[in-house]
Amino acid sequence: MIIYNVTVKVDHEVHDDWLNWMQQVHIPEVMGTGKFVEHQIAKVLVDDQDGITYAIQYKCASMQDLEAYQSDHAPALQRDHAERYKDKFVAFRTLLELI
């Protein structure tokens, strides 16, 4: 099982809108690609004056599913996020393998 982890720090001023949009629009769109079998969103518990940080984890059965997502779906979905919250977030992605 592969975990595609997206860590996002979002500015306080757009936080509520961002969290709602993630839960109601973006995550359902990612899951709707059919490449992931499960997801979760977790708030990172740190005090940070610059924003609030979340880890969104998507689980897929294989690297082939992840690669298909990254080539066929991720560019448009990431572009939508970047355009909506331009200059109001920072994000990085990591891959993990469940042992």
C-alpha atoms as a PDB file:
ATOM      1  CA  MET A   1       0.000   0.000   0.000  1.00  0.00           C
ATOM      2  CA  ILE A   2       1.338   3.424  -0.996  1.00  0.00           C
ATOM      3  CA  ILE A   3       0.511   6.613   0.915  1.00  0.00           C
ATOM      4  CA  TYR A   4       0.575   9.855  -1.022  1.00  0.00           C
ATOM      5  CA  ASN A   5       0.971  12.471   1.720  1.00  0.00           C
ATOM      6  CA  VAL A   6       0.288  16.137   0.978  1.00  0.00           C
ATOM      7  CA  THR A   7       1.298  18.540   3.750  1.00  0.00           C
ATOM      8  CA  VAL A   8      -0.231  22.003   3.434  1.00  0.00           C
ATOM      9  CA  LYS A   9       0.217  25.105   5.580  1.00  0.00           C
ATOM     10  CA  VAL A  10      -2.642  27.505   4.915  1.00  0.00           C
ATOM     11  CA  ASP A  11      -2.891  31.157   5.975  1.00  0.00           C
ATOM     12  CA  HIS A  12      -5.278  31.958   8.813  1.00  0.00           C
ATOM     13  CA  GLU A  13      -7.265  34.403   6.666  1.00  0.00           C
ATOM     14  CA  VAL A  14      -8.407  31.696   4.224  1.00  0.00           C
ATOM     15  CA  HIS A  15      -8.302  28.710   6.572  1.00  0.00           C
ATOM     16  CA  ASP A  16     -12.044  28.168   7.059  1.00  0.00           C
ATOM     17  CA  ASP A  17     -12.798  28.471   3.339  1.00  0.00           C
ATOM     18  CA  TRP A  18      -9.822  26.236   2.482  1.00  0.00           C
ATOM     19  CA  LEU A  19     -10.805  23.477   4.921  1.00  0.00           C
ATOM     20  CA  ASN A  20     -14.406  23.485   3.708  1.00  0.00           C
ATOM     21  CA  TRP A  21     -13.301  23.445   0.056  1.00  0.00           C
ATOM     22  CA  MET A  22     -10.866  20.603   0.714  1.00  0.00           C
ATOM     23  CA  GLN A  23     -13.514  18.477   2.453  1.00  0.00           C
ATOM     24  CA  GLN A  24     -16.413  19.284   0.125  1.00  0.00           C
ATOM     25  CA  VAL A  25     -14.715  19.662  -3.275  1.00  0.00           C
ATOM     26  CA  HIS A  26     -11.028  18.833  -3.626  1.00  0.00           C
ATOM     27  CA  ILE A  27     -10.728  15.577  -1.671  1.00  0.00           C
ATOM     28  CA  PRO A  28     -13.906  14.161  -3.276  1.00  0.00           C
ATOM     29  CA  GLU A  29     -12.461  15.046  -6.696  1.00  0.00           C
ATOM     30  CA  VAL A  30      -9.178  13.289  -5.877  1.00  0.00           C
ATOM     31  CA  MET A  31     -11.030  10.229  -4.597  1.00  0.00           C
ATOM     32  CA  GLY A  32     -13.293  10.359  -7.658  1.00  0.00           C
ATOM     33  CA  THR A  33     -10.320   9.573  -9.889  1.00  0.00           C
ATOM     34  CA  GLY A  34     -10.592   5.972  -8.715  1.00  0.00           C
ATOM     35  CA  LYS A  35      -6.855   5.765  -8.040  1.00  0.00           C
ATOM     36  CA  PHE A  36      -7.102   5.833  -4.230  1.00  0.00           C
ATOM     37  CA  VAL A  37      -8.884   3.479  -1.860  1.00  0.00           C
ATOM     38  CA  GLU A  38      -8.885   5.590   1.301  1.00  0.00           C
ATOM     39  CA  HIS A  39      -7.996   9.029   2.600  1.00  0.00           C
ATOM     40  CA  GLN A  40      -7.664  10.971   5.833  1.00  0.00           C
ATOM     41  CA  ILE A  41      -6.939  14.539   6.811  1.00  0.00           C
ATOM     42  CA  ALA A  42      -5.088  15.403  10.004  1.00  0.00           C
ATOM     43  CA  LYS A  43      -4.240  18.704  11.612  1.00  0.00           C
ATOM     44  CA  VAL A  44      -0.581  19.034  12.545  1.00  0.00           C
ATOM     45  CA  LEU A  45      -0.391  20.006  16.210  1.00  0.00           C
ATOM     46  CA  VAL A  46       2.112  22.852  16.253  1.00  0.00           C
ATOM     47  CA  ASP A  47       1.798  26.474  17.280  1.00  0.00           C
ATOM     48  CA  ASP A  48       2.500  28.537  14.210  1.00  0.00           C
ATOM     49  CA  GLN A  49       1.684  32.198  13.766  1.00  0.00           C
ATOM     50  CA  ASP A  50       1.966  31.907   9.960  1.00  0.00           C
ATOM     51  CA  GLY A  51      -0.862  29.442   9.425  1.00  0.00           C
ATOM     52  CA  ILE A  52      -2.398  26.084  10.163  1.00  0.00           C
ATOM     53  CA  THR A  53      -0.831  22.891   8.822  1.00  0.00           C
ATOM     54  CA  TYR A  54      -2.603  19.750   7.645  1.00  0.00           C
ATOM     55  CA  ALA A  55      -1.466  16.382   6.345  1.00  0.00           C
ATOM     56  CA  ILE A  56      -3.807  14.871   3.786  1.00  0.00           C
ATOM     57  CA  GLN A  57      -3.076  11.221   3.113  1.00  0.00           C
ATOM     58  CA  TYR A  58      -4.373   9.250   0.168  1.00  0.00           C
ATOM     59  CA  LYS A  59      -3.815   5.481   0.064  1.00  0.00           C
ATOM     60  CA  CYS A  60      -3.476   3.564  -3.180  1.00  0.00           C
ATOM     61  CA  ALA A  61      -2.869  -0.091  -3.922  1.00  0.00           C
ATOM     62  CA  SER A  62       0.177   0.336  -6.156  1.00  0.00           C
ATOM     63  CA  MET A  63       2.767   2.694  -7.585  1.00  0.00           C
ATOM     64  CA  GLN A  64       1.076   2.241 -10.963  1.00  0.00           C
ATOM     65  CA  ASP A  65      -2.134   3.751  -9.557  1.00  0.00           C
ATOM     66  CA  LEU A  66      -0.177   6.653  -8.091  1.00  0.00           C
ATOM     67  CA  GLU A  67       1.722   7.242 -11.328  1.00  0.00           C
ATOM     68  CA  ALA A  68      -1.543   7.219 -13.290  1.00  0.00           C
ATOM     69  CA  TYR A  69      -3.009   9.751 -10.861  1.00  0.00           C
ATOM     70  CA  GLN A  70       0.055  11.971 -11.114  1.00  0.00           C
ATOM     71  CA  SER A  71       0.098  11.956 -14.901  1.00  0.00           C
ATOM     72  CA  ASP A  72      -3.643  11.995 -15.667  1.00  0.00           C
ATOM     73  CA  HIS A  73      -5.247  13.951 -12.816  1.00  0.00           C
ATOM     74  CA  ALA A  74      -2.832  15.744 -10.479  1.00  0.00           C
ATOM     75  CA  PRO A  75      -1.828  18.655 -12.752  1.00  0.00           C
ATOM     76  CA  ALA A  76      -5.377  19.969 -13.145  1.00  0.00           C
ATOM     77  CA  LEU A  77      -6.337  19.359  -9.510  1.00  0.00           C
ATOM     78  CA  GLN A  78      -3.173  21.042  -8.214  1.00  0.00           C
ATOM     79  CA  ARG A  79      -3.709  23.957 -10.605  1.00  0.00           C
ATOM     80  CA  ASP A  80      -7.270  24.459  -9.281  1.00  0.00           C
ATOM     81  CA  HIS A  81      -5.923  24.557  -5.717  1.00  0.00           C
ATOM     82  CA  ALA A  82      -3.086  26.929  -6.594  1.00  0.00           C
ATOM     83  CA  GLU A  83      -5.368  29.330  -8.454  1.00  0.00           C
ATOM     84  CA  ARG A  84      -7.969  29.380  -5.690  1.00  0.00           C
ATOM     85  CA  TYR A  85      -5.479  29.948  -2.839  1.00  0.00           C
ATOM     86  CA  LYS A  86      -2.642  31.723  -4.638  1.00  0.00           C
ATOM     87  CA  ASP A  87       0.035  32.973  -2.215  1.00  0.00           C
ATOM     88  CA  LYS A  88      -2.023  31.760   0.766  1.00  0.00           C
ATOM     89  CA  PHE A  89      -0.464  28.312   1.234  1.00  0.00           C
ATOM     90  CA  VAL A  90       2.680  26.249   0.950  1.00  0.00           C
ATOM     91  CA  ALA A  91       2.624  22.534   0.216  1.00  0.00           C
ATOM     92  CA  PHE A  92       4.935  19.596  -0.200  1.00  0.00           C
ATOM     93  CA  ARG A  93       4.335  15.991  -1.076  1.00  0.00           C
ATOM     94  CA  THR A  94       5.906  12.767   0.174  1.00  0.00           C
ATOM     95  CA  LEU A  95       5.437   9.121  -0.677  1.00  0.00           C
ATOM     96  CA  LEU A  96       5.352   6.411   1.949  1.00  0.00           C
ATOM     97  CA  GLU A  97       5.066   2.669   1.714  1.00  0.00           C
ATOM     98  CA  LEU A  98       3.209   0.738   4.396  1.00  0.00           C
ATOM     99  CA  ILE A  99       5.355  -2.090   5.727  1.00  0.00           C
END
